[in-house]
């Protein structure tokens, strides 16, 4: 069974130019957004996944984000990424659906909270889904989201940690 890896970049330079007051979402709020987005993704609710990642706990309101002239293009790109992630994870596990999501764990790393949860597919196979959200270098640019999937919890965690560690060797 292979690993599905997807790095999801939430904002393009166009949305990064929106100069709104930062909402000040803390790490726990960002981990809650991960939990919600993974829940939508597990159920193949692609539009809800994208709206959660692009619009929740960001330094703009949902209305401000959706009214930006580049929002629809960015959301379309994000939907394609989310759809490919969903399809890849299911294809690699010879599964049609996620039967259950186990209890999540949250690991602190470099001032962030990494959200990890076990998924069990309709055929009994199990993987781990991991998610972390971190601020971009410009506060008004919002949060980046990294998603990782794989059969080994420690490997999923290691791959996420490598993404959020500055100058990490890939």
C-alpha atoms as a PDB file:
ATOM      1  CA  UNK A   1       0.000   0.000   0.000  1.00  0.00           C
ATOM      2  CA  UNK A   2       1.469   3.339  -1.038  1.00  0.00           C
ATOM      3  CA  UNK A   3       1.252   6.651   0.694  1.00  0.00           C
ATOM      4  CA  UNK A   4      -0.748   9.543  -0.571  1.00  0.00           C
ATOM      5  CA  UNK A   5       0.803  12.873   0.101  1.00  0.00           C
ATOM      6  CA  UNK A   6      -0.678  16.217  -0.681  1.00  0.00           C
ATOM      7  CA  UNK A   7       0.577  19.625   0.186  1.00  0.00           C
ATOM      8  CA  UNK A   8      -2.272  22.037   0.059  1.00  0.00           C
ATOM      9  CA  UNK A   9      -1.386  25.665  -0.343  1.00  0.00           C
ATOM     10  CA  UNK A  10      -4.346  27.680   0.758  1.00  0.00           C
ATOM     11  CA  UNK A  11      -3.690  31.087  -0.613  1.00  0.00           C
ATOM     12  CA  UNK A  12      -2.252  32.485  -3.780  1.00  0.00           C
ATOM     13  CA  UNK A  13      -0.527  35.815  -4.033  1.00  0.00           C
ATOM     14  CA  UNK A  14      -3.825  37.363  -5.071  1.00  0.00           C
ATOM     15  CA  UNK A  15      -5.646  36.485  -1.858  1.00  0.00           C
ATOM     16  CA  UNK A  16      -2.493  37.227   0.112  1.00  0.00           C
ATOM     17  CA  UNK A  17      -2.902  40.851  -0.932  1.00  0.00           C
ATOM     18  CA  UNK A  18      -6.135  41.157   1.014  1.00  0.00           C
ATOM     19  CA  UNK A  19      -5.213  43.443   3.901  1.00  0.00           C
ATOM     20  CA  UNK A  20      -7.772  42.530   6.530  1.00  0.00           C
ATOM     21  CA  UNK A  21      -7.311  42.556  10.258  1.00  0.00           C
ATOM     22  CA  UNK A  22      -6.086  39.177  11.506  1.00  0.00           C
ATOM     23  CA  UNK A  23      -8.666  37.188  13.414  1.00  0.00           C
ATOM     24  CA  UNK A  24      -6.048  35.798  15.781  1.00  0.00           C
ATOM     25  CA  UNK A  25      -7.044  32.149  15.589  1.00  0.00           C
ATOM     26  CA  UNK A  26      -4.951  30.142  18.009  1.00  0.00           C
ATOM     27  CA  UNK A  27      -3.369  26.743  17.422  1.00  0.00           C
ATOM     28  CA  UNK A  28      -6.314  24.878  18.939  1.00  0.00           C
ATOM     29  CA  UNK A  29      -8.712  26.629  16.555  1.00  0.00           C
ATOM     30  CA  UNK A  30      -6.471  25.690  13.621  1.00  0.00           C
ATOM     31  CA  UNK A  31      -6.420  22.042  14.769  1.00  0.00           C
ATOM     32  CA  UNK A  32     -10.232  22.154  14.990  1.00  0.00           C
ATOM     33  CA  UNK A  33     -10.336  23.368  11.370  1.00  0.00           C
ATOM     34  CA  UNK A  34      -8.167  20.356  10.439  1.00  0.00           C
ATOM     35  CA  UNK A  35     -10.596  18.015  12.228  1.00  0.00           C
ATOM     36  CA  UNK A  36     -13.563  19.538  10.424  1.00  0.00           C
ATOM     37  CA  UNK A  37     -11.864  19.546   6.993  1.00  0.00           C
ATOM     38  CA  UNK A  38     -10.729  15.912   7.327  1.00  0.00           C
ATOM     39  CA  UNK A  39     -14.278  14.988   8.310  1.00  0.00           C
ATOM     40  CA  UNK A  40     -15.620  16.559   5.145  1.00  0.00           C
ATOM     41  CA  UNK A  41     -12.873  14.950   3.048  1.00  0.00           C
ATOM     42  CA  UNK A  42     -13.559  11.506   4.539  1.00  0.00           C
ATOM     43  CA  UNK A  43     -17.162  11.849   3.338  1.00  0.00           C
ATOM     44  CA  UNK A  44     -16.128  13.146  -0.101  1.00  0.00           C
ATOM     45  CA  UNK A  45     -17.653  16.545   0.628  1.00  0.00           C
ATOM     46  CA  UNK A  46     -15.171  18.396  -1.511  1.00  0.00           C
ATOM     47  CA  UNK A  47     -16.902  21.797  -1.556  1.00  0.00           C
ATOM     48  CA  UNK A  48     -17.236  21.779   2.228  1.00  0.00           C
ATOM     49  CA  UNK A  49     -13.586  20.737   2.602  1.00  0.00           C
ATOM     50  CA  UNK A  50     -12.453  23.670   0.475  1.00  0.00           C
ATOM     51  CA  UNK A  51     -14.714  26.195   2.176  1.00  0.00           C
ATOM     52  CA  UNK A  52     -13.461  25.032   5.571  1.00  0.00           C
ATOM     53  CA  UNK A  53      -9.800  25.361   4.594  1.00  0.00           C
ATOM     54  CA  UNK A  54     -10.101  28.647   2.700  1.00  0.00           C
ATOM     55  CA  UNK A  55     -12.602  30.500   4.850  1.00  0.00           C
ATOM     56  CA  UNK A  56     -12.485  29.325   8.464  1.00  0.00           C
ATOM     57  CA  UNK A  57     -10.079  30.767  11.042  1.00  0.00           C
ATOM     58  CA  UNK A  58      -8.481  33.007   8.440  1.00  0.00           C
ATOM     59  CA  UNK A  59      -7.751  36.747   8.708  1.00  0.00           C
ATOM     60  CA  UNK A  60     -10.844  37.513   6.597  1.00  0.00           C
ATOM     61  CA  UNK A  61     -14.499  36.706   6.886  1.00  0.00           C
ATOM     62  CA  UNK A  62     -16.153  34.142   4.649  1.00  0.00           C
ATOM     63  CA  UNK A  63     -17.993  36.937   2.856  1.00  0.00           C
ATOM     64  CA  UNK A  64     -14.758  38.881   2.266  1.00  0.00           C
ATOM     65  CA  UNK A  65     -12.983  35.774   0.998  1.00  0.00           C
ATOM     66  CA  UNK A  66     -15.775  34.697  -1.339  1.00  0.00           C
ATOM     67  CA  UNK A  67     -16.168  38.201  -2.755  1.00  0.00           C
ATOM     68  CA  UNK A  68     -12.493  38.447  -3.728  1.00  0.00           C
ATOM     69  CA  UNK A  69     -12.191  38.409  -7.548  1.00  0.00           C
ATOM     70  CA  UNK A  70      -9.745  35.476  -7.499  1.00  0.00           C
ATOM     71  CA  UNK A  71     -11.605  33.360  -4.960  1.00  0.00           C
ATOM     72  CA  UNK A  72     -13.432  31.122  -7.419  1.00  0.00           C
ATOM     73  CA  UNK A  73     -10.245  30.308  -9.328  1.00  0.00           C
ATOM     74  CA  UNK A  74      -8.416  29.472  -6.104  1.00  0.00           C
ATOM     75  CA  UNK A  75     -11.356  27.422  -4.829  1.00  0.00           C
ATOM     76  CA  UNK A  76     -11.480  25.477  -8.104  1.00  0.00           C
ATOM     77  CA  UNK A  77      -7.784  24.638  -7.788  1.00  0.00           C
ATOM     78  CA  UNK A  78      -8.332  23.582  -4.181  1.00  0.00           C
ATOM     79  CA  UNK A  79     -11.293  21.392  -5.159  1.00  0.00           C
ATOM     80  CA  UNK A  80      -9.086  19.643  -7.731  1.00  0.00           C
ATOM     81  CA  UNK A  81      -6.398  19.019  -5.063  1.00  0.00           C
ATOM     82  CA  UNK A  82      -8.940  17.729  -2.540  1.00  0.00           C
ATOM     83  CA  UNK A  83     -10.631  15.494  -5.117  1.00  0.00           C
ATOM     84  CA  UNK A  84      -7.280  14.017  -6.176  1.00  0.00           C
ATOM     85  CA  UNK A  85      -6.322  13.410  -2.543  1.00  0.00           C
ATOM     86  CA  UNK A  86      -9.634  11.661  -1.858  1.00  0.00           C
ATOM     87  CA  UNK A  87      -9.399   9.526  -4.996  1.00  0.00           C
ATOM     88  CA  UNK A  88      -5.724   8.663  -4.445  1.00  0.00           C
ATOM     89  CA  UNK A  89      -6.196   7.583  -0.842  1.00  0.00           C
ATOM     90  CA  UNK A  90      -9.189   5.421  -1.762  1.00  0.00           C
ATOM     91  CA  UNK A  91      -7.519   3.935  -4.844  1.00  0.00           C
ATOM     92  CA  UNK A  92      -4.341   3.051  -2.943  1.00  0.00           C
ATOM     93  CA  UNK A  93      -6.417   1.310  -0.299  1.00  0.00           C
ATOM     94  CA  UNK A  94      -8.795  -0.429  -2.733  1.00  0.00           C
ATOM     95  CA  UNK A  95     -11.679   1.196  -0.912  1.00  0.00           C
ATOM     96  CA  UNK A  96     -14.906   2.949  -1.783  1.00  0.00           C
ATOM     97  CA  UNK A  97     -15.543   4.863   1.415  1.00  0.00           C
ATOM     98  CA  UNK A  98     -14.253   5.698   4.870  1.00  0.00           C
ATOM     99  CA  UNK A  99     -16.291   3.589   7.290  1.00  0.00           C
ATOM    100  CA  UNK A 100     -15.131   5.305  10.457  1.00  0.00           C
ATOM    101  CA  UNK A 101     -12.812   7.890  11.891  1.00  0.00           C
ATOM    102  CA  UNK A 102     -11.127   6.916  15.111  1.00  0.00           C
ATOM    103  CA  UNK A 103     -10.319   9.148  18.042  1.00  0.00           C
ATOM    104  CA  UNK A 104      -7.962  11.910  17.052  1.00  0.00           C
ATOM    105  CA  UNK A 105      -4.679  12.724  18.683  1.00  0.00           C
ATOM    106  CA  UNK A 106      -2.981  16.068  18.649  1.00  0.00           C
ATOM    107  CA  UNK A 107       0.769  16.456  18.797  1.00  0.00           C
ATOM    108  CA  UNK A 108       2.517  19.731  19.570  1.00  0.00           C
ATOM    109  CA  UNK A 109       5.454  20.510  17.304  1.00  0.00           C
ATOM    110  CA  UNK A 110       7.277  23.821  16.753  1.00  0.00           C
ATOM    111  CA  UNK A 111       4.419  25.799  18.315  1.00  0.00           C
ATOM    112  CA  UNK A 112       1.798  24.102  16.125  1.00  0.00           C
ATOM    113  CA  UNK A 113      -0.710  21.354  16.754  1.00  0.00           C
ATOM    114  CA  UNK A 114      -0.622  18.422  14.345  1.00  0.00           C
ATOM    115  CA  UNK A 115      -4.012  16.723  14.131  1.00  0.00           C
ATOM    116  CA  UNK A 116      -3.844  12.951  13.482  1.00  0.00           C
ATOM    117  CA  UNK A 117      -6.754  10.554  13.140  1.00  0.00           C
ATOM    118  CA  UNK A 118      -7.145   6.929  12.062  1.00  0.00           C
ATOM    119  CA  UNK A 119      -9.464   6.186   9.169  1.00  0.00           C
ATOM    120  CA  UNK A 120     -10.938   2.761   8.535  1.00  0.00           C
ATOM    121  CA  UNK A 121     -12.199   1.977   5.048  1.00  0.00           C
ATOM    122  CA  UNK A 122     -15.169  -0.108   4.005  1.00  0.00           C
ATOM    123  CA  UNK A 123     -12.798  -3.038   3.314  1.00  0.00           C
ATOM    124  CA  UNK A 124     -11.211  -2.923   6.788  1.00  0.00           C
ATOM    125  CA  UNK A 125      -7.934  -1.277   5.778  1.00  0.00           C
ATOM    126  CA  UNK A 126      -6.696   1.474   8.046  1.00  0.00           C
ATOM    127  CA  UNK A 127      -4.601   4.554   7.487  1.00  0.00           C
ATOM    128  CA  UNK A 128      -3.789   7.755   9.331  1.00  0.00           C
ATOM    129  CA  UNK A 129      -4.797  11.188   8.133  1.00  0.00           C
ATOM    130  CA  UNK A 130      -2.711  14.079   9.380  1.00  0.00           C
ATOM    131  CA  UNK A 131      -3.231  17.811   9.104  1.00  0.00           C
ATOM    132  CA  UNK A 132      -1.477  20.930  10.322  1.00  0.00           C
ATOM    133  CA  UNK A 133      -2.222  24.594   9.675  1.00  0.00           C
ATOM    134  CA  UNK A 134       0.408  27.254  10.018  1.00  0.00           C
ATOM    135  CA  UNK A 135       0.552  30.962   9.372  1.00  0.00           C
ATOM    136  CA  UNK A 136       2.177  32.258   6.246  1.00  0.00           C
ATOM    137  CA  UNK A 137       5.058  34.697   6.654  1.00  0.00           C
ATOM    138  CA  UNK A 138       2.717  37.638   6.014  1.00  0.00           C
ATOM    139  CA  UNK A 139      -0.033  37.580   8.640  1.00  0.00           C
ATOM    140  CA  UNK A 140      -2.687  38.884   6.261  1.00  0.00           C
ATOM    141  CA  UNK A 141      -1.950  35.998   3.869  1.00  0.00           C
ATOM    142  CA  UNK A 142      -3.752  33.472   6.040  1.00  0.00           C
ATOM    143  CA  UNK A 143      -2.879  29.909   6.929  1.00  0.00           C
ATOM    144  CA  UNK A 144      -1.285  27.114   4.918  1.00  0.00           C
ATOM    145  CA  UNK A 145      -2.586  23.596   5.374  1.00  0.00           C
ATOM    146  CA  UNK A 146      -0.504  20.455   5.002  1.00  0.00           C
ATOM    147  CA  UNK A 147      -2.262  17.102   4.695  1.00  0.00           C
ATOM    148  CA  UNK A 148      -0.589  13.692   4.808  1.00  0.00           C
ATOM    149  CA  UNK A 149      -2.027  10.192   4.579  1.00  0.00           C
ATOM    150  CA  UNK A 150      -0.427   6.800   5.150  1.00  0.00           C
ATOM    151  CA  UNK A 151      -0.639   3.455   6.926  1.00  0.00           C
ATOM    152  CA  UNK A 152       1.956   4.320   9.578  1.00  0.00           C
ATOM    153  CA  UNK A 153       1.101   7.017  12.136  1.00  0.00           C
ATOM    154  CA  UNK A 154       4.739   7.833  12.910  1.00  0.00           C
ATOM    155  CA  UNK A 155       5.593   8.186   9.223  1.00  0.00           C
ATOM    156  CA  UNK A 156       2.647  10.531   8.636  1.00  0.00           C
ATOM    157  CA  UNK A 157       3.771  12.582  11.622  1.00  0.00           C
ATOM    158  CA  UNK A 158       7.403  12.619  10.399  1.00  0.00           C
ATOM    159  CA  UNK A 159       6.383  13.844   6.927  1.00  0.00           C
ATOM    160  CA  UNK A 160       4.292  16.666   8.405  1.00  0.00           C
ATOM    161  CA  UNK A 161       7.094  17.650  10.782  1.00  0.00           C
ATOM    162  CA  UNK A 162       9.510  17.772   7.834  1.00  0.00           C
ATOM    163  CA  UNK A 163       7.201  20.194   6.029  1.00  0.00           C
ATOM    164  CA  UNK A 164       6.890  22.618   8.930  1.00  0.00           C
ATOM    165  CA  UNK A 165      10.544  22.547   9.962  1.00  0.00           C
ATOM    166  CA  UNK A 166      12.537  25.340   8.337  1.00  0.00           C
ATOM    167  CA  UNK A 167      15.349  24.080   6.106  1.00  0.00           C
ATOM    168  CA  UNK A 168      14.206  20.479   6.501  1.00  0.00           C
ATOM    169  CA  UNK A 169      15.921  17.968   4.280  1.00  0.00           C
ATOM    170  CA  UNK A 170      13.392  16.484   1.893  1.00  0.00           C
END
